[in-house]
């Protein structure tokens, strides 16, 4: 089970990171032919591409980010959800949909701007990408 990265959250399905923790984790990620991996620079094979938030977004189930377009309404429609009147309500329904299925909300708080980054990942992916080991 994943453990929270910051003291305020004790919910393993809701991790809160600082921008520095988020960046340190992103810096540990690379893209291999088999998919994403968390490898140190010394461990990375030649040709392994570093990952940024945009590349990582391909592996997120859903996201709200100032840096990457999460295509909120496409995700909402793909999940066959109905009735949201605005972006906020749609995002709340998406979050609930994935939480009910055991997915992890990864929230980045404390950076510039008022809104946190929010990314939803399968817990198995976060374990594979060694989130708890690299922050």
N, C-alpha and C. Protein backbone atom coordinates (compact mmCIF):
# COMPACT_ATOMS: atom_id res chain seq x y z
N UNK A 1 0.85 -1.17 0.00
CA UNK A 1 0.00 0.00 0.00
C UNK A 1 0.89 1.23 0.00
N UNK A 2 0.54 2.24 -0.75
CA UNK A 2 1.30 3.47 -0.81
C UNK A 2 1.10 4.27 0.47
N UNK A 3 2.14 4.96 0.88
CA UNK A 3 2.01 5.80 2.06
C UNK A 3 1.98 7.25 1.63
N UNK A 4 1.33 8.11 2.40
CA UNK A 4 1.27 9.52 2.04
C UNK A 4 2.67 10.14 2.05
N UNK A 5 2.87 11.13 1.20
CA UNK A 5 4.16 11.78 1.10
C UNK A 5 4.27 12.98 2.03
N UNK A 6 3.16 13.52 2.48
CA UNK A 6 3.19 14.65 3.38
C UNK A 6 2.31 14.34 4.58
N UNK A 7 2.59 14.96 5.70
CA UNK A 7 1.91 14.64 6.95
C UNK A 7 0.39 14.82 6.94
N UNK A 8 -0.19 15.86 6.30
CA UNK A 8 -1.62 16.08 6.45
C UNK A 8 -2.51 14.95 5.97
N UNK A 9 -2.10 14.16 5.02
CA UNK A 9 -2.98 13.14 4.46
C UNK A 9 -2.59 11.77 4.98
N UNK A 10 -3.57 11.03 5.50
CA UNK A 10 -3.33 9.65 5.91
C UNK A 10 -4.14 8.70 5.04
N UNK A 11 -4.76 9.20 4.02
CA UNK A 11 -5.59 8.42 3.11
C UNK A 11 -4.71 7.89 1.98
N UNK A 12 -4.52 6.56 1.87
CA UNK A 12 -3.66 6.02 0.81
C UNK A 12 -4.20 6.25 -0.60
N UNK A 13 -5.46 6.66 -0.72
CA UNK A 13 -6.02 6.96 -2.05
C UNK A 13 -5.98 8.44 -2.37
N UNK A 14 -5.37 9.24 -1.49
CA UNK A 14 -5.24 10.68 -1.73
C UNK A 14 -3.87 11.13 -1.22
N UNK A 15 -2.94 11.25 -2.13
CA UNK A 15 -1.58 11.66 -1.79
C UNK A 15 -1.40 13.13 -2.13
N UNK A 16 -0.78 13.87 -1.23
CA UNK A 16 -0.53 15.29 -1.46
C UNK A 16 0.97 15.50 -1.51
N UNK A 17 1.43 16.10 -2.60
CA UNK A 17 2.86 16.37 -2.79
C UNK A 17 3.10 17.86 -2.89
N UNK A 18 4.31 18.27 -2.56
CA UNK A 18 4.74 19.64 -2.83
C UNK A 18 5.21 19.70 -4.28
N UNK A 19 5.32 20.90 -4.84
CA UNK A 19 5.88 20.99 -6.20
C UNK A 19 7.28 20.39 -6.30
N UNK A 20 8.10 20.53 -5.25
CA UNK A 20 9.45 19.95 -5.28
C UNK A 20 9.40 18.42 -5.30
N UNK A 21 8.50 17.83 -4.52
CA UNK A 21 8.35 16.37 -4.53
C UNK A 21 7.86 15.89 -5.90
N UNK A 22 6.89 16.59 -6.47
CA UNK A 22 6.36 16.26 -7.79
C UNK A 22 7.47 16.28 -8.83
N UNK A 23 8.28 17.35 -8.81
CA UNK A 23 9.35 17.49 -9.80
C UNK A 23 10.42 16.42 -9.60
N UNK A 24 10.75 16.10 -8.35
CA UNK A 24 11.74 15.05 -8.09
C UNK A 24 11.25 13.71 -8.65
N UNK A 25 9.97 13.43 -8.47
CA UNK A 25 9.41 12.18 -9.01
C UNK A 25 9.45 12.19 -10.53
N UNK A 26 8.99 13.29 -11.14
CA UNK A 26 9.03 13.37 -12.60
C UNK A 26 10.45 13.17 -13.12
N UNK A 27 11.42 13.78 -12.44
CA UNK A 27 12.82 13.66 -12.86
C UNK A 27 13.33 12.22 -12.80
N UNK A 28 12.69 11.38 -11.99
CA UNK A 28 13.12 9.98 -11.87
C UNK A 28 12.52 9.08 -12.95
N UNK A 29 11.58 9.61 -13.71
CA UNK A 29 10.85 8.78 -14.68
C UNK A 29 11.45 8.84 -16.07
N UNK A 30 11.36 7.72 -16.76
CA UNK A 30 11.78 7.66 -18.16
C UNK A 30 10.85 6.73 -18.92
N UNK A 31 10.86 6.86 -20.21
CA UNK A 31 10.03 6.04 -21.10
C UNK A 31 10.91 4.99 -21.76
N UNK A 32 10.55 3.74 -21.55
CA UNK A 32 11.23 2.61 -22.19
C UNK A 32 10.30 2.00 -23.22
N UNK A 33 10.80 1.16 -24.12
CA UNK A 33 9.90 0.50 -25.08
C UNK A 33 8.77 -0.27 -24.38
N UNK A 34 9.03 -0.76 -23.17
CA UNK A 34 8.02 -1.52 -22.42
C UNK A 34 7.06 -0.62 -21.64
N UNK A 35 7.32 0.68 -21.61
CA UNK A 35 6.46 1.61 -20.88
C UNK A 35 7.26 2.46 -19.92
N UNK A 36 6.58 3.16 -19.02
CA UNK A 36 7.28 4.05 -18.11
C UNK A 36 8.04 3.28 -17.04
N UNK A 37 9.12 3.90 -16.55
CA UNK A 37 9.93 3.28 -15.50
C UNK A 37 10.53 4.37 -14.63
N UNK A 38 10.84 4.01 -13.40
CA UNK A 38 11.54 4.90 -12.49
C UNK A 38 12.96 4.36 -12.34
N UNK A 39 13.90 5.03 -12.97
CA UNK A 39 15.29 4.58 -12.96
C UNK A 39 16.20 5.78 -12.74
N UNK A 40 17.26 5.58 -11.98
CA UNK A 40 18.25 6.64 -11.83
C UNK A 40 18.95 6.85 -13.16
N UNK A 41 19.63 7.96 -13.29
CA UNK A 41 20.36 8.24 -14.54
C UNK A 41 21.34 7.12 -14.85
N UNK A 42 21.98 6.56 -13.83
CA UNK A 42 22.95 5.48 -14.04
C UNK A 42 22.29 4.18 -14.48
N UNK A 43 21.04 3.96 -14.09
CA UNK A 43 20.32 2.73 -14.43
C UNK A 43 19.67 2.77 -15.81
N UNK A 44 19.51 3.95 -16.35
CA UNK A 44 18.76 4.09 -17.61
C UNK A 44 19.55 3.58 -18.80
N UNK A 45 18.91 2.74 -19.60
CA UNK A 45 19.57 2.29 -20.82
C UNK A 45 19.68 3.43 -21.83
N UNK A 46 20.62 3.29 -22.72
CA UNK A 46 20.78 4.29 -23.78
C UNK A 46 19.47 4.38 -24.56
N UNK A 47 19.06 5.58 -24.86
CA UNK A 47 17.83 5.78 -25.62
C UNK A 47 16.58 5.93 -24.77
N UNK A 48 16.70 5.73 -23.45
CA UNK A 48 15.54 5.94 -22.58
C UNK A 48 15.21 7.43 -22.57
N UNK A 49 13.97 7.74 -22.86
CA UNK A 49 13.54 9.14 -22.93
C UNK A 49 13.07 9.62 -21.56
N UNK A 50 13.57 10.77 -21.09
CA UNK A 50 13.04 11.31 -19.84
C UNK A 50 11.56 11.66 -20.01
N UNK A 51 10.82 11.58 -18.93
CA UNK A 51 9.39 11.90 -18.97
C UNK A 51 9.16 13.25 -18.30
N UNK A 52 8.24 14.00 -18.88
CA UNK A 52 7.76 15.22 -18.25
C UNK A 52 6.28 15.02 -17.95
N UNK A 53 5.62 16.06 -17.47
CA UNK A 53 4.21 15.94 -17.11
C UNK A 53 3.36 15.56 -18.32
N UNK A 54 3.69 16.11 -19.47
CA UNK A 54 2.92 15.79 -20.67
C UNK A 54 3.03 14.30 -21.01
N UNK A 55 4.24 13.75 -20.97
CA UNK A 55 4.43 12.32 -21.26
C UNK A 55 3.74 11.46 -20.20
N UNK A 56 3.81 11.87 -18.95
CA UNK A 56 3.16 11.12 -17.87
C UNK A 56 1.64 11.13 -18.02
N UNK A 57 1.10 12.19 -18.60
CA UNK A 57 -0.36 12.29 -18.74
C UNK A 57 -0.94 11.14 -19.55
N UNK A 58 -0.14 10.53 -20.41
CA UNK A 58 -0.62 9.38 -21.19
C UNK A 58 -0.96 8.19 -20.29
N UNK A 59 -0.41 8.16 -19.09
CA UNK A 59 -0.62 7.04 -18.17
C UNK A 59 -1.61 7.38 -17.05
N UNK A 60 -2.03 8.62 -16.97
CA UNK A 60 -3.01 9.03 -15.95
C UNK A 60 -4.41 8.65 -16.43
N UNK A 61 -5.25 8.25 -15.51
CA UNK A 61 -6.64 7.96 -15.85
C UNK A 61 -7.39 9.25 -16.12
N UNK A 62 -7.07 10.29 -15.35
CA UNK A 62 -7.71 11.60 -15.50
C UNK A 62 -6.80 12.62 -14.81
N UNK A 63 -6.95 13.88 -15.17
CA UNK A 63 -6.14 14.91 -14.53
C UNK A 63 -6.76 16.29 -14.73
N UNK A 64 -6.39 17.18 -13.80
CA UNK A 64 -6.66 18.60 -13.93
C UNK A 64 -5.34 19.29 -13.67
N UNK A 65 -4.84 19.98 -14.67
CA UNK A 65 -3.52 20.56 -14.58
C UNK A 65 -3.47 21.84 -15.39
N UNK A 66 -2.73 22.83 -14.87
CA UNK A 66 -2.51 24.05 -15.63
C UNK A 66 -1.52 23.80 -16.77
N UNK A 67 -0.68 22.78 -16.61
CA UNK A 67 0.37 22.49 -17.59
C UNK A 67 -0.08 21.57 -18.72
N UNK A 68 -0.99 20.64 -18.42
CA UNK A 68 -1.40 19.62 -19.38
C UNK A 68 -2.92 19.61 -19.46
N UNK A 69 -3.46 19.60 -20.68
CA UNK A 69 -4.91 19.54 -20.86
C UNK A 69 -5.39 18.12 -20.58
N UNK A 70 -6.22 17.99 -19.56
CA UNK A 70 -6.73 16.68 -19.18
C UNK A 70 -7.98 16.26 -19.93
N UNK A 71 -8.46 17.10 -20.83
CA UNK A 71 -9.65 16.78 -21.63
C UNK A 71 -10.79 16.30 -20.73
N UNK A 72 -11.15 17.16 -19.80
CA UNK A 72 -12.14 16.86 -18.77
C UNK A 72 -13.43 16.28 -19.33
N UNK A 73 -14.02 16.94 -20.30
CA UNK A 73 -15.33 16.50 -20.79
C UNK A 73 -15.23 15.22 -21.62
N UNK A 74 -14.11 15.00 -22.29
CA UNK A 74 -13.92 13.72 -22.98
C UNK A 74 -13.85 12.58 -21.97
N UNK A 75 -13.12 12.80 -20.88
CA UNK A 75 -13.03 11.78 -19.83
C UNK A 75 -14.41 11.53 -19.23
N UNK A 76 -15.12 12.60 -18.95
CA UNK A 76 -16.47 12.50 -18.36
C UNK A 76 -17.37 11.66 -19.26
N UNK A 77 -17.33 11.93 -20.54
CA UNK A 77 -18.14 11.20 -21.52
C UNK A 77 -17.69 9.74 -21.63
N UNK A 78 -16.38 9.51 -21.67
CA UNK A 78 -15.86 8.14 -21.76
C UNK A 78 -16.32 7.27 -20.59
N UNK A 79 -16.48 7.88 -19.43
CA UNK A 79 -16.92 7.15 -18.24
C UNK A 79 -18.43 6.98 -18.19
N UNK A 80 -19.10 7.53 -19.21
CA UNK A 80 -20.56 7.47 -19.32
C UNK A 80 -21.24 8.11 -18.11
N UNK A 81 -20.64 9.18 -17.61
CA UNK A 81 -21.24 9.96 -16.53
C UNK A 81 -22.16 10.99 -17.17
N UNK A 82 -23.16 11.41 -16.43
CA UNK A 82 -24.13 12.37 -16.97
C UNK A 82 -24.59 13.32 -15.88
N UNK A 83 -24.97 14.53 -16.30
CA UNK A 83 -25.65 15.45 -15.41
C UNK A 83 -24.82 16.57 -14.82
N UNK A 84 -23.51 16.57 -15.02
CA UNK A 84 -22.70 17.65 -14.46
C UNK A 84 -23.02 18.95 -15.17
N UNK A 85 -23.18 20.01 -14.40
CA UNK A 85 -23.51 21.30 -14.98
C UNK A 85 -22.31 22.18 -15.28
N UNK A 86 -21.15 21.84 -14.72
CA UNK A 86 -19.97 22.65 -14.96
C UNK A 86 -18.71 21.80 -14.74
N UNK A 87 -17.56 22.41 -15.00
CA UNK A 87 -16.28 21.69 -14.88
C UNK A 87 -16.04 21.16 -13.47
N UNK A 88 -16.38 21.96 -12.47
CA UNK A 88 -16.15 21.55 -11.08
C UNK A 88 -16.95 20.30 -10.74
N UNK A 89 -18.22 20.30 -11.10
CA UNK A 89 -19.07 19.14 -10.81
C UNK A 89 -18.60 17.91 -11.60
N UNK A 90 -18.23 18.12 -12.86
CA UNK A 90 -17.73 17.00 -13.68
C UNK A 90 -16.48 16.40 -13.05
N UNK A 91 -15.55 17.24 -12.60
CA UNK A 91 -14.32 16.74 -11.99
C UNK A 91 -14.63 15.98 -10.70
N UNK A 92 -15.54 16.48 -9.88
CA UNK A 92 -15.92 15.79 -8.65
C UNK A 92 -16.49 14.40 -8.95
N UNK A 93 -17.30 14.29 -9.99
CA UNK A 93 -17.86 12.99 -10.37
C UNK A 93 -16.79 12.04 -10.89
N UNK A 94 -15.84 12.57 -11.66
CA UNK A 94 -14.72 11.75 -12.16
C UNK A 94 -13.89 11.25 -10.98
N UNK A 95 -13.58 12.15 -10.04
CA UNK A 95 -12.81 11.75 -8.86
C UNK A 95 -13.53 10.64 -8.09
N UNK A 96 -14.83 10.80 -7.89
CA UNK A 96 -15.61 9.79 -7.15
C UNK A 96 -15.64 8.46 -7.89
N UNK A 97 -15.79 8.53 -9.22
CA UNK A 97 -15.81 7.31 -10.03
C UNK A 97 -14.54 6.49 -9.80
N UNK A 98 -13.39 7.15 -9.89
CA UNK A 98 -12.12 6.43 -9.73
C UNK A 98 -11.83 6.05 -8.28
N UNK A 99 -12.20 6.90 -7.35
CA UNK A 99 -11.98 6.57 -5.93
C UNK A 99 -12.75 5.30 -5.57
N UNK A 100 -13.99 5.20 -6.04
CA UNK A 100 -14.80 4.01 -5.75
C UNK A 100 -14.16 2.74 -6.28
N UNK A 101 -13.25 2.87 -7.23
CA UNK A 101 -12.58 1.73 -7.85
C UNK A 101 -11.14 1.55 -7.36
N UNK A 102 -10.76 2.31 -6.33
CA UNK A 102 -9.45 2.13 -5.71
C UNK A 102 -8.30 2.86 -6.36
N UNK A 103 -8.59 3.84 -7.21
CA UNK A 103 -7.52 4.61 -7.85
C UNK A 103 -7.04 5.71 -6.90
N UNK A 104 -5.84 6.22 -7.15
CA UNK A 104 -5.20 7.18 -6.27
C UNK A 104 -5.28 8.58 -6.87
N UNK A 105 -5.72 9.53 -6.06
CA UNK A 105 -5.68 10.95 -6.42
C UNK A 105 -4.34 11.49 -5.94
N UNK A 106 -3.54 11.98 -6.85
CA UNK A 106 -2.25 12.58 -6.54
C UNK A 106 -2.40 14.08 -6.72
N UNK A 107 -2.29 14.80 -5.62
CA UNK A 107 -2.52 16.25 -5.62
C UNK A 107 -1.20 16.96 -5.37
N UNK A 108 -0.92 17.98 -6.18
CA UNK A 108 0.29 18.78 -6.00
C UNK A 108 -0.16 20.14 -5.50
N UNK A 109 0.25 20.48 -4.28
CA UNK A 109 -0.17 21.73 -3.64
C UNK A 109 1.04 22.53 -3.19
N UNK A 110 0.85 23.85 -3.17
CA UNK A 110 1.88 24.71 -2.61
C UNK A 110 2.67 25.47 -3.65
N UNK A 111 2.32 25.32 -4.91
CA UNK A 111 3.02 26.04 -5.95
C UNK A 111 2.35 27.36 -6.26
N UNK A 112 2.78 27.98 -7.32
CA UNK A 112 2.17 29.23 -7.75
C UNK A 112 0.77 28.97 -8.26
N UNK A 113 -0.11 29.93 -8.04
CA UNK A 113 -1.49 29.77 -8.47
C UNK A 113 -2.33 29.20 -7.35
N UNK A 114 -3.61 29.37 -7.47
CA UNK A 114 -4.53 28.96 -6.41
C UNK A 114 -4.97 27.50 -6.53
N UNK A 115 -5.00 26.98 -7.73
CA UNK A 115 -5.55 25.64 -7.95
C UNK A 115 -4.46 24.58 -7.90
N UNK A 116 -4.70 23.50 -7.17
CA UNK A 116 -3.72 22.40 -7.16
C UNK A 116 -3.79 21.60 -8.45
N UNK A 117 -2.70 20.95 -8.74
CA UNK A 117 -2.69 19.95 -9.81
C UNK A 117 -3.33 18.70 -9.22
N UNK A 118 -4.15 18.01 -9.99
CA UNK A 118 -4.75 16.76 -9.53
C UNK A 118 -4.65 15.73 -10.64
N UNK A 119 -4.06 14.60 -10.31
CA UNK A 119 -3.85 13.51 -11.25
C UNK A 119 -4.41 12.23 -10.64
N UNK A 120 -5.06 11.41 -11.43
CA UNK A 120 -5.59 10.13 -10.95
C UNK A 120 -4.84 9.00 -11.65
N UNK A 121 -4.27 8.10 -10.82
CA UNK A 121 -3.48 6.99 -11.34
C UNK A 121 -3.95 5.67 -10.73
N UNK A 122 -3.71 4.59 -11.46
CA UNK A 122 -3.88 3.26 -10.89
C UNK A 122 -2.81 3.07 -9.82
N UNK A 123 -3.16 2.51 -8.66
CA UNK A 123 -2.15 2.33 -7.61
C UNK A 123 -0.98 1.46 -8.05
N UNK A 124 -1.25 0.48 -8.90
CA UNK A 124 -0.17 -0.39 -9.40
C UNK A 124 0.86 0.40 -10.20
N UNK A 125 0.41 1.39 -10.94
CA UNK A 125 1.34 2.22 -11.71
C UNK A 125 2.22 3.04 -10.77
N UNK A 126 1.63 3.62 -9.73
CA UNK A 126 2.42 4.40 -8.79
C UNK A 126 3.45 3.53 -8.08
N UNK A 127 3.11 2.29 -7.80
CA UNK A 127 4.08 1.37 -7.20
C UNK A 127 5.18 1.04 -8.20
N UNK A 128 4.81 0.75 -9.44
CA UNK A 128 5.79 0.46 -10.48
C UNK A 128 6.75 1.63 -10.67
N UNK A 129 6.21 2.84 -10.60
CA UNK A 129 7.02 4.03 -10.80
C UNK A 129 7.66 4.53 -9.50
N UNK A 130 7.59 3.72 -8.46
CA UNK A 130 8.30 3.94 -7.20
C UNK A 130 8.10 5.34 -6.62
N UNK A 131 6.88 5.80 -6.65
CA UNK A 131 6.60 7.13 -6.10
C UNK A 131 7.11 7.25 -4.67
N UNK A 132 6.82 6.29 -3.83
CA UNK A 132 7.21 6.38 -2.41
C UNK A 132 8.72 6.28 -2.22
N UNK A 133 9.45 5.73 -3.17
CA UNK A 133 10.91 5.61 -3.06
C UNK A 133 11.66 6.86 -3.50
N UNK A 134 11.03 7.69 -4.29
CA UNK A 134 11.75 8.78 -4.92
C UNK A 134 11.41 10.15 -4.38
N UNK A 135 10.59 10.22 -3.37
CA UNK A 135 10.24 11.52 -2.83
C UNK A 135 10.57 11.61 -1.36
